[in-house]
Amino acid sequence: MRFGSRIAHLRSHLPLPFPLSPPSYPRCKLSHSASAASAAASKLKEESNEFLSWLQKKAGVEISSMLSIGNSVYGRSLFASKYIRAGDCILKVPYNVQMTSDRFPSEIEPFLVHDVGNISRLAVVLLAEQKLGQNSGWATYISNLPRKDEMHNTIFWSKDELEMIRSSPVYQETFDKKAYIVKEFSALRPALEHFPQTFGDVRLEDFMHAYALVSSNCELVSLMVPHSYISSMGDLEGHIFDFLNHDGTSDAILLSDEDNKISEVIADRDYDIGEQVMIRYGKFSNATLLLDFGFTLPYNTYDQVQIWMDAPFHDPLYQIKLELLQNHCLPRIVDASGFNSSKSSFVIKEVKSTSGKGQGIPQALRAYCRVLSATSLEELKALTVEAAENDGRLARRTLTDRDREIQAHRMLLSQFIPMIEDHDAALKVLESSNQFSVRRQMAKDLLKGELRVLQSACAWLTNYCENIC
């Protein structure tokens, strides 16, 4: 039985030497002479043939007769070795040719301070294989993974580099993610230190590197493989899939054949011989791509911005509003310390038109602000009655009091305008420098996309308030 899904739903980055630079970035200068270039190409061909031979032998079946590994602006990539037509199956990999977290050494379990997630477990498996060096059955694959200095996920950025994106929610998300990884490593460290012959001297930066390498690939293959198989095998790491680079406009199709336990990639268009074959990781914003995968797009149509809302603590109706919102399916946010927060998180997307229904600004967010704008218990009771008499959703309809409706939407404007000013100021600083760096360009891509989203939402809200006066 085959289960079809779009590549658009995958979450993955490519563990390749240079998988992180979008097409607009300068091509890396890999050699200084024709002979050096020829030697580099020869070495790449030799390593690629070795990798494909290893994978073919491990799988026991033909992986692909249409693809070959080559070098592109992104690093090692897959190219069409034959003419490919849309709908052709270009890649076929058995489920069992993946590294799985069920290989986590059971003997270290008693030494764990607390339980850890499957991504951390798979990172430990990778660390053990790395310690084996050439004696590892995965040595050929591991040798193709990027070094830490070749990865651009924000968890690897310096403090000065992170300052470039301080105005973006990704700034805080980066610290949250690093804190989680540190917590996982703290739980694993006693176990790792107890078995130096298996893991060697593992430092936090080593674990963070391994964690970043496997985290997105787990989700890539997990979404490819049916959950019935995942439940018995654990999370997975990809192999040849890692060489497929991201194209935001691609509409490649992925199929999982559960009966034959094989994952397939289906071409979404024709490819000429020598053309790089691309897929789309998903409809992800630059924030997600940068935080999880380590790259951005110059213009990402899926850019979005996460914002946090909360009622002012000095509001005499604060507790009543909070309970009302939570009773209507707005859950509490639990912070890293385990405490409940009164804040609620919303994601806004680009509003395509200043007229219309403002698609891109969640209805739940507008409803939240209508509740916050109430100044009396009677108004809150009226909203509750209205919800009960209709579809049960709170404050989803335009308030009959237009002044209160305007106030609710201006409350949103008061959230967006400072963010716009901060993004604009940060971009001016970045653009004032003539010095190019990959991470500086990524910061600009991120901030420009978020600024575009915020400005579109601000324009729609301003127009809405003017038109209902």
Protein backbone atom coordinates (compact mmCIF):
# COMPACT_ATOMS: atom_id res chain seq x y z
CA MET A 1 0.00 0.00 0.00
CA ARG A 2 1.38 3.40 -0.93
CA PHE A 3 0.93 6.55 1.09
CA GLY A 4 1.37 9.75 -0.89
CA SER A 5 2.50 13.02 0.62
CA ARG A 6 3.94 16.26 -0.64
CA ILE A 7 7.56 17.13 -0.06
CA ALA A 8 6.04 20.38 1.19
CA HIS A 9 5.30 18.71 4.51
CA LEU A 10 8.88 17.64 5.19
CA ARG A 11 11.19 19.23 7.76
CA SER A 12 14.79 18.64 6.80
CA HIS A 13 18.12 20.29 6.19
CA LEU A 14 20.87 18.79 4.09
CA PRO A 15 23.98 17.51 5.86
CA LEU A 16 26.26 18.48 2.97
CA PRO A 17 29.52 20.45 2.93
CA PHE A 18 27.85 23.62 1.61
CA PRO A 19 24.07 23.09 1.53
CA LEU A 20 23.15 26.40 3.00
CA SER A 21 23.66 29.12 0.40
CA PRO A 22 20.65 30.05 -1.75
CA PRO A 23 21.18 30.73 -5.47
CA SER A 24 21.66 34.48 -5.01
CA TYR A 25 24.79 34.01 -2.91
CA PRO A 26 28.22 34.06 -4.57
CA ARG A 27 29.60 30.76 -5.76
CA CYS A 28 32.32 29.45 -3.48
CA LYS A 29 35.76 29.57 -5.06
CA LEU A 30 36.92 26.03 -4.58
CA SER A 31 40.22 26.14 -6.45
CA HIS A 32 42.81 28.57 -7.77
CA SER A 33 43.85 26.78 -10.95
CA ALA A 34 42.51 24.52 -13.64
CA SER A 35 44.63 21.64 -12.38
CA ALA A 36 43.37 22.15 -8.82
CA ALA A 37 39.80 22.24 -10.09
CA SER A 38 40.38 19.06 -12.06
CA ALA A 39 41.88 17.33 -9.03
CA ALA A 40 38.97 18.44 -6.84
CA ALA A 41 36.46 17.17 -9.40
CA SER A 42 38.27 13.85 -9.65
CA LYS A 43 38.33 13.47 -5.86
CA LEU A 44 34.61 14.31 -5.66
CA LYS A 45 33.78 11.73 -8.35
CA GLU A 46 35.80 9.09 -6.53
CA GLU A 47 34.13 9.84 -3.17
CA SER A 48 30.68 9.96 -4.77
CA ASN A 49 31.16 6.61 -6.48
CA GLU A 50 32.33 5.17 -3.16
CA PHE A 51 29.25 6.52 -1.39
CA LEU A 52 26.82 5.21 -4.03
CA SER A 53 28.51 1.81 -4.06
CA TRP A 54 28.31 1.65 -0.27
CA LEU A 55 24.62 2.62 -0.25
CA GLN A 56 23.76 0.18 -3.05
CA LYS A 57 25.51 -2.64 -1.20
CA LYS A 58 23.81 -1.76 2.10
CA ALA A 59 20.38 -1.55 0.48
CA GLY A 60 20.76 -4.68 -1.64
CA VAL A 61 18.72 -3.03 -4.41
CA GLU A 62 19.26 -0.36 -7.03
CA ILE A 63 18.85 3.09 -5.46
CA SER A 64 18.67 5.10 -8.66
CA SER A 65 19.64 4.73 -12.30
CA MET A 66 18.86 8.37 -13.06
CA LEU A 67 20.93 10.33 -10.53
CA SER A 68 24.58 11.01 -9.83
CA ILE A 69 26.33 13.05 -7.16
CA GLY A 70 28.09 16.21 -8.22
CA ASN A 71 29.14 19.61 -6.89
CA SER A 72 26.97 22.73 -7.08
CA VAL A 73 26.84 26.14 -5.46
CA TYR A 74 25.12 24.34 -2.57
CA GLY A 75 27.85 21.71 -2.19
CA ARG A 76 27.36 18.07 -3.10
CA SER A 77 24.06 17.63 -4.89
CA LEU A 78 22.13 15.19 -7.04
CA PHE A 79 22.12 15.66 -10.81
CA ALA A 80 20.21 13.96 -13.60
CA SER A 81 22.46 11.38 -15.26
CA LYS A 82 19.67 10.58 -17.72
CA TYR A 83 16.76 12.57 -19.13
CA ILE A 84 14.02 12.56 -16.48
CA ARG A 85 10.34 13.04 -17.19
CA ALA A 86 7.77 14.35 -14.75
CA GLY A 87 6.31 11.40 -12.85
CA ASP A 88 9.44 9.24 -13.10
CA CYS A 89 10.58 7.49 -9.93
CA ILE A 90 14.08 8.90 -9.55
CA LEU A 91 15.04 7.58 -6.13
CA LYS A 92 14.05 4.42 -4.24
CA VAL A 93 15.46 3.64 -0.78
CA PRO A 94 14.43 0.79 1.56
CA TYR A 95 13.30 1.77 5.05
CA ASN A 96 16.02 -0.34 6.64
CA VAL A 97 18.85 1.70 5.09
CA GLN A 98 18.60 4.35 7.77
CA MET A 99 20.30 4.85 11.09
CA THR A 100 17.71 4.44 13.85
CA SER A 101 17.44 5.52 17.48
CA ASP A 102 16.57 1.96 18.51
CA ARG A 103 20.34 1.31 18.26
CA PHE A 104 20.82 3.49 21.35
CA PRO A 105 23.12 1.51 23.71
CA SER A 106 20.88 -0.01 26.38
CA GLU A 107 23.77 -0.31 28.86
CA ILE A 108 23.93 3.46 29.33
CA GLU A 109 20.24 3.80 30.25
CA PRO A 110 20.86 3.37 34.04
CA PHE A 111 23.32 6.28 33.96
CA LEU A 112 20.88 8.80 32.49
CA VAL A 113 19.94 11.64 34.85
CA HIS A 114 16.52 11.75 33.18
CA ASP A 115 15.01 10.38 30.00
CA VAL A 116 15.95 12.05 26.73
CA GLY A 117 14.19 12.40 23.39
CA ASN A 118 14.70 10.26 20.30
CA ILE A 119 16.71 12.96 18.53
CA SER A 120 19.21 13.00 21.40
CA ARG A 121 19.32 9.20 21.36
CA LEU A 122 20.08 9.16 17.65
CA ALA A 123 22.74 11.81 18.20
CA VAL A 124 24.37 9.43 20.70
CA VAL A 125 24.26 6.62 18.12
CA LEU A 126 25.98 8.93 15.63
CA LEU A 127 28.65 9.88 18.20
CA ALA A 128 29.40 6.20 18.85
CA GLU A 129 29.73 5.53 15.11
CA GLN A 130 32.01 8.56 14.73
CA LYS A 131 34.24 7.20 17.51
CA LEU A 132 34.66 3.95 15.54
CA GLY A 133 36.09 5.87 12.59
CA GLN A 134 36.77 3.68 9.56
CA ASN A 135 35.66 0.62 11.55
CA SER A 136 32.09 1.93 11.51
CA GLY A 137 29.66 0.44 9.03
CA TRP A 138 28.48 4.01 8.47
CA ALA A 139 31.93 5.53 7.90
CA THR A 140 31.25 6.29 4.23
CA TYR A 141 28.06 8.15 5.10
CA ILE A 142 29.50 9.95 8.14
CA SER A 143 32.43 11.22 6.06
CA ASN A 144 29.90 13.12 3.92
CA LEU A 145 28.37 14.99 6.86
CA PRO A 146 29.35 18.66 7.31
CA ARG A 147 31.66 19.89 10.01
CA LYS A 148 30.37 22.26 12.66
CA ASP A 149 31.98 25.26 10.94
CA GLU A 150 30.08 24.37 7.77
CA MET A 151 26.66 24.60 9.41
CA HIS A 152 24.73 27.86 9.73
CA ASN A 153 21.84 26.97 12.05
CA THR A 154 21.49 29.87 14.49
CA ILE A 155 22.50 27.67 17.43
CA PHE A 156 26.03 27.88 15.98
CA TRP A 157 26.04 31.67 15.64
CA SER A 158 28.23 33.78 17.90
CA LYS A 159 26.74 36.38 20.25
CA ASP A 160 27.72 39.16 17.85
CA GLU A 161 26.09 37.34 14.94
CA LEU A 162 22.89 36.76 16.92
CA GLU A 163 22.74 40.49 17.63
CA MET A 164 21.99 40.93 13.93
CA ILE A 165 18.60 39.23 14.45
CA ARG A 166 17.75 40.47 17.95
CA SER A 167 14.55 42.09 16.64
CA SER A 168 13.31 38.73 15.27
CA PRO A 169 11.54 36.06 17.37
CA VAL A 170 14.22 33.67 16.06
CA TYR A 171 16.67 35.36 18.46
CA GLN A 172 14.85 34.08 21.55
CA GLU A 173 13.94 30.79 19.88
CA THR A 174 17.64 30.15 19.34
CA PHE A 175 18.39 30.54 23.05
CA ASP A 176 15.42 28.32 23.92
CA LYS A 177 16.64 25.61 21.57
CA LYS A 178 20.21 25.80 22.87
CA ALA A 179 18.91 25.58 26.45
CA TYR A 180 16.97 22.43 25.57
CA ILE A 181 20.03 20.82 23.95
CA VAL A 182 22.13 21.69 27.01
CA LYS A 183 19.48 20.05 29.22
CA GLU A 184 19.56 16.88 27.09
CA PHE A 185 23.36 16.79 27.18
CA SER A 186 23.36 17.23 30.96
CA ALA A 187 21.18 14.14 31.26
CA LEU A 188 23.45 12.15 28.94
CA ARG A 189 26.84 13.34 30.14
CA PRO A 190 27.27 10.92 33.10
CA ALA A 191 26.47 8.00 30.80
CA LEU A 192 28.82 9.20 28.06
CA GLU A 193 31.65 9.73 30.55
CA HIS A 194 31.13 6.23 31.98
CA PHE A 195 31.87 4.65 28.59
CA PRO A 196 34.86 6.57 27.17
CA GLN A 197 35.84 3.55 25.07
CA THR A 198 32.53 3.87 23.21
CA PHE A 199 32.15 7.63 22.91
CA GLY A 200 35.51 9.20 23.68
CA ASP A 201 35.64 12.67 25.23
CA VAL A 202 32.29 14.16 24.17
CA ARG A 203 31.94 17.88 24.77
CA LEU A 204 28.77 19.96 24.57
CA GLU A 205 29.75 21.34 21.16
CA ASP A 206 30.22 17.78 19.87
CA PHE A 207 26.77 16.76 21.06
CA MET A 208 25.20 19.95 19.69
CA HIS A 209 26.77 19.25 16.30
CA ALA A 210 25.48 15.66 16.26
CA TYR A 211 22.05 16.81 17.46
CA ALA A 212 21.79 19.36 14.65
CA LEU A 213 22.92 16.83 12.06
CA VAL A 214 20.25 14.28 12.89
CA SER A 215 17.32 16.39 14.14
CA SER A 216 15.89 17.53 10.83
CA ASN A 217 16.73 14.29 9.06
CA CYS A 218 14.73 12.36 11.65
CA GLU A 219 11.68 14.37 10.73
CA LEU A 220 12.42 14.05 7.02
CA VAL A 221 12.39 10.28 6.97
CA SER A 222 9.79 9.96 9.73
CA LEU A 223 7.32 11.77 7.52
CA MET A 224 8.27 9.56 4.60
CA VAL A 225 7.78 6.32 6.49
CA PRO A 226 4.34 5.24 7.80
CA HIS A 227 3.84 5.61 11.55
CA SER A 228 3.23 1.87 11.95
CA TYR A 229 6.83 1.29 10.90
CA ILE A 230 8.19 4.27 12.83
CA SER A 231 6.66 2.98 16.08
CA SER A 232 8.80 -0.13 15.90
CA MET A 233 11.95 1.40 14.47
CA GLY A 234 12.14 4.81 16.15
CA ASP A 235 13.27 8.00 14.42
CA LEU A 236 15.36 7.70 11.30
CA GLU A 237 18.21 9.46 9.56
CA GLY A 238 18.27 9.85 5.79
CA HIS A 239 21.12 9.08 3.40
CA ILE A 240 20.86 9.78 -0.30
CA PHE A 241 17.93 12.11 0.46
CA ASP A 242 20.43 14.42 2.15
CA PHE A 243 21.84 15.32 -1.26
CA LEU A 244 18.56 16.77 -2.53
CA ASN A 245 18.65 20.55 -2.21
CA HIS A 246 15.71 22.84 -1.50
CA ASP A 247 13.68 24.62 -4.16
CA GLY A 248 10.81 26.66 -2.77
CA THR A 249 8.90 26.40 -6.07
CA SER A 250 9.29 22.63 -6.48
CA ASP A 251 6.23 20.43 -6.16
CA ALA A 252 8.01 17.08 -5.94
CA ILE A 253 5.96 14.09 -4.80
CA LEU A 254 7.05 11.58 -2.21
CA LEU A 255 5.53 8.12 -1.81
CA SER A 256 5.99 5.57 0.95
CA ASP A 257 5.36 1.98 -0.09
CA GLU A 258 4.53 0.25 3.21
CA ASP A 259 4.13 -3.20 1.70
CA ASN A 260 7.64 -3.15 0.22
CA LYS A 261 9.01 -0.82 2.91
CA ILE A 262 10.51 1.51 0.35
CA SER A 263 10.54 5.31 0.13
CA GLU A 264 10.40 6.87 -3.32
CA VAL A 265 10.94 10.35 -4.72
CA ILE A 266 8.88 11.21 -7.77
CA ALA A 267 10.02 13.90 -10.20
CA ASP A 268 7.62 16.85 -10.37
CA ARG A 269 8.95 18.06 -13.75
CA ASP A 270 11.28 17.17 -16.61
CA TYR A 271 15.06 17.35 -16.03
CA ASP A 272 17.73 17.49 -18.72
CA ILE A 273 20.94 15.51 -18.33
CA GLY A 274 23.30 17.33 -15.99
CA GLU A 275 20.55 19.44 -14.37
CA GLN A 276 20.42 19.51 -10.57
CA VAL A 277 17.39 17.71 -9.14
CA MET A 278 15.67 19.69 -6.38
CA ILE A 279 12.81 19.16 -3.94
CA ARG A 280 10.87 21.44 -1.63
CA TYR A 281 11.42 20.77 2.06
CA GLY A 282 8.14 22.41 2.96
CA LYS A 283 6.16 25.63 3.09
CA PHE A 284 8.49 27.03 5.71
CA SER A 285 9.35 30.59 6.60
CA ASN A 286 12.91 31.83 6.66
CA ALA A 287 12.63 31.75 10.45
CA THR A 288 12.13 27.97 10.36
CA LEU A 289 14.68 27.40 7.62
CA LEU A 290 17.33 29.37 9.48
CA LEU A 291 16.69 27.99 12.95
CA ASP A 292 16.28 24.34 11.96
CA PHE A 293 18.12 23.95 8.66
CA GLY A 294 20.71 26.71 8.48
CA PHE A 295 19.78 28.60 5.31
CA THR A 296 17.37 31.25 4.04
CA LEU A 297 15.80 32.30 0.75
CA PRO A 298 16.19 35.82 -0.66
CA TYR A 299 12.41 36.03 -1.05
CA ASN A 300 10.29 33.49 0.77
CA THR A 301 6.57 33.57 0.05
CA TYR A 302 5.98 31.53 3.21
CA ASP A 303 7.52 34.03 5.60
CA GLN A 304 5.62 34.59 8.84
CA VAL A 305 6.11 36.20 12.23
CA GLN A 306 5.29 34.83 15.66
CA ILE A 307 3.92 37.34 18.16
CA TRP A 308 2.93 37.08 21.82
CA MET A 309 -0.13 38.70 23.36
CA ASP A 310 -1.15 39.19 26.99
CA ALA A 311 -3.61 41.31 28.92
CA PRO A 312 -2.05 44.16 30.95
CA PHE A 313 -1.58 43.06 34.57
CA HIS A 314 -3.07 46.33 35.81
CA ASP A 315 -6.36 45.57 34.02
CA PRO A 316 -9.01 45.08 36.78
CA LEU A 317 -10.61 42.39 34.57
CA TYR A 318 -7.29 40.61 33.94
CA GLN A 319 -8.09 37.33 35.71
CA ILE A 320 -11.61 37.13 34.29
CA LYS A 321 -10.35 37.76 30.76
CA LEU A 322 -7.61 35.19 31.18
CA GLU A 323 -10.01 32.49 32.36
CA LEU A 324 -12.47 33.35 29.59
CA LEU A 325 -9.79 33.06 26.91
CA GLN A 326 -8.44 29.81 28.33
CA ASN A 327 -11.92 28.32 28.53
CA HIS A 328 -12.36 28.99 24.84
CA CYS A 329 -9.49 26.87 23.57
CA LEU A 330 -6.62 29.30 24.08
CA PRO A 331 -4.23 27.10 26.08
CA ARG A 332 -1.74 28.32 28.63
CA ILE A 333 1.83 28.64 27.47
CA VAL A 334 4.24 26.62 29.62
CA ASP A 335 7.71 28.14 29.78
CA ALA A 336 11.04 26.30 30.00
CA SER A 337 10.84 26.28 33.81
CA GLY A 338 7.49 24.51 33.76
CA PHE A 339 5.44 27.50 34.92
CA ASN A 340 2.19 28.47 33.24
CA SER A 341 2.29 31.74 31.33
CA SER A 342 -0.67 33.96 30.65
CA LYS A 343 0.70 34.81 27.22
CA SER A 344 -0.67 33.38 23.99
CA SER A 345 1.28 32.91 20.78
CA PHE A 346 0.00 33.69 17.28
CA VAL A 347 1.54 33.47 13.83
CA ILE A 348 0.81 36.10 11.21
CA LYS A 349 1.47 35.77 7.50
CA GLU A 350 1.68 38.29 4.71
CA VAL A 351 -1.64 40.00 4.00
CA LYS A 352 -1.93 40.12 0.24
CA SER A 353 -4.39 43.04 0.07
CA THR A 354 -5.31 46.00 2.26
CA SER A 355 -8.96 45.26 1.43
CA GLY A 356 -10.88 42.05 2.00
CA LYS A 357 -10.83 39.85 5.09
CA GLY A 358 -7.19 40.30 6.09
CA GLN A 359 -6.16 36.71 5.45
CA GLY A 360 -2.84 36.28 7.16
CA ILE A 361 -3.97 37.79 10.45
CA PRO A 362 -5.52 34.90 12.43
CA GLN A 363 -9.14 35.31 13.42
CA ALA A 364 -8.19 34.00 16.85
CA LEU A 365 -5.76 36.88 17.26
CA ARG A 366 -8.37 39.49 16.37
CA ALA A 367 -10.82 37.78 18.75
CA TYR A 368 -8.17 37.82 21.48
CA CYS A 369 -7.80 41.58 21.11
CA ARG A 370 -11.58 42.10 21.18
CA VAL A 371 -11.66 40.34 24.54
CA LEU A 372 -8.72 42.37 25.84
CA SER A 373 -10.36 45.64 24.76
CA ALA A 374 -13.45 45.03 26.93
CA THR A 375 -13.78 47.46 29.84
CA SER A 376 -16.70 45.97 31.73
CA LEU A 377 -17.98 42.64 32.97
CA GLU A 378 -21.14 43.22 30.93
CA GLU A 379 -19.15 43.33 27.68
CA LEU A 380 -17.45 40.05 28.53
CA LYS A 381 -20.76 38.41 29.38
CA ALA A 382 -22.21 39.62 26.07
CA LEU A 383 -19.31 38.02 24.19
CA THR A 384 -19.88 34.75 26.04
CA VAL A 385 -23.61 34.77 25.22
CA GLU A 386 -22.91 35.58 21.56
CA ALA A 387 -20.47 32.67 21.33
CA ALA A 388 -22.99 30.26 22.89
CA GLU A 389 -25.73 31.37 20.51
CA ASN A 390 -23.55 30.86 17.42
CA ASP A 391 -20.67 28.46 16.78
CA GLY A 392 -19.18 28.61 20.28
CA ARG A 393 -16.14 30.61 19.22
CA LEU A 394 -15.45 33.66 21.34
CA ALA A 395 -15.42 37.20 19.87
CA ARG A 396 -15.13 36.06 16.25
CA ARG A 397 -17.73 38.59 15.06
CA THR A 398 -17.28 42.33 14.60
CA LEU A 399 -18.14 44.19 17.79
CA THR A 400 -21.36 46.20 17.62
CA ASP A 401 -19.56 49.02 19.42
CA ARG A 402 -17.39 50.38 16.60
CA ASP A 403 -15.18 52.38 18.94
CA ARG A 404 -14.39 49.20 20.84
CA GLU A 405 -13.76 47.35 17.53
CA ILE A 406 -11.32 50.04 16.46
CA GLN A 407 -9.62 49.99 19.83
CA ALA A 408 -9.16 46.21 19.61
CA HIS A 409 -7.46 46.47 16.22
CA ARG A 410 -5.35 49.45 17.25
CA MET A 411 -4.14 47.26 20.08
CA LEU A 412 -2.70 44.99 17.41
CA LEU A 413 -1.17 47.96 15.63
CA SER A 414 0.55 48.94 18.86
CA GLN A 415 2.21 45.50 18.83
CA PHE A 416 3.29 45.61 15.19
CA ILE A 417 4.61 49.17 14.91
CA PRO A 418 7.51 48.77 17.40
CA MET A 419 8.47 45.49 15.70
CA ILE A 420 8.49 47.24 12.31
CA GLU A 421 10.70 50.02 13.69
CA ASP A 422 13.12 47.51 15.24
CA HIS A 423 13.36 45.44 12.05
CA ASP A 424 13.86 48.56 9.93
CA ALA A 425 16.62 49.84 12.20
CA ALA A 426 18.38 46.47 12.23
CA LEU A 427 18.28 46.23 8.45
CA LYS A 428 19.77 49.72 8.07
CA VAL A 429 22.69 48.65 10.24
CA LEU A 430 23.21 45.48 8.20
CA GLU A 431 22.96 47.30 4.88
CA SER A 432 25.37 50.02 5.98
CA SER A 433 28.21 47.51 5.83
CA ASN A 434 29.82 46.58 2.52
CA GLN A 435 31.38 43.48 4.03
CA PHE A 436 29.71 40.28 2.82
CA SER A 437 29.23 37.21 4.96
CA VAL A 438 26.84 34.31 4.53
CA ARG A 439 25.29 34.78 7.97
CA ARG A 440 24.90 38.54 7.48
CA GLN A 441 23.02 37.82 4.26
CA MET A 442 20.85 35.27 6.03
CA ALA A 443 20.05 37.82 8.75
CA LYS A 444 18.99 40.29 6.05
CA ASP A 445 16.80 37.69 4.32
CA LEU A 446 15.12 36.85 7.63
CA LEU A 447 14.48 40.44 8.69
CA LYS A 448 13.31 41.58 5.25
CA GLY A 449 10.76 38.78 5.10
CA GLU A 450 9.43 39.45 8.58
CA LEU A 451 9.33 43.19 7.89
CA ARG A 452 7.28 42.57 4.75
CA VAL A 453 4.80 40.50 6.76
CA LEU A 454 4.51 43.07 9.55
CA GLN A 455 4.08 45.97 7.13
CA SER A 456 1.34 44.15 5.22
CA ALA A 457 -0.53 43.42 8.46
CA CYS A 458 -0.09 46.99 9.63
CA ALA A 459 -1.41 48.37 6.33
CA TRP A 460 -4.48 46.13 6.50
CA LEU A 461 -5.25 47.05 10.11
CA THR A 462 -4.87 50.77 9.39
CA ASN A 463 -7.19 50.50 6.40
CA TYR A 464 -9.71 48.45 8.43
CA CYS A 465 -9.85 51.02 11.24
CA GLU A 466 -10.28 53.89 8.79
CA ASN A 467 -13.09 52.19 6.90
CA ILE A 468 -15.27 51.33 9.91
CA CYS A 469 -15.11 54.83 11.44
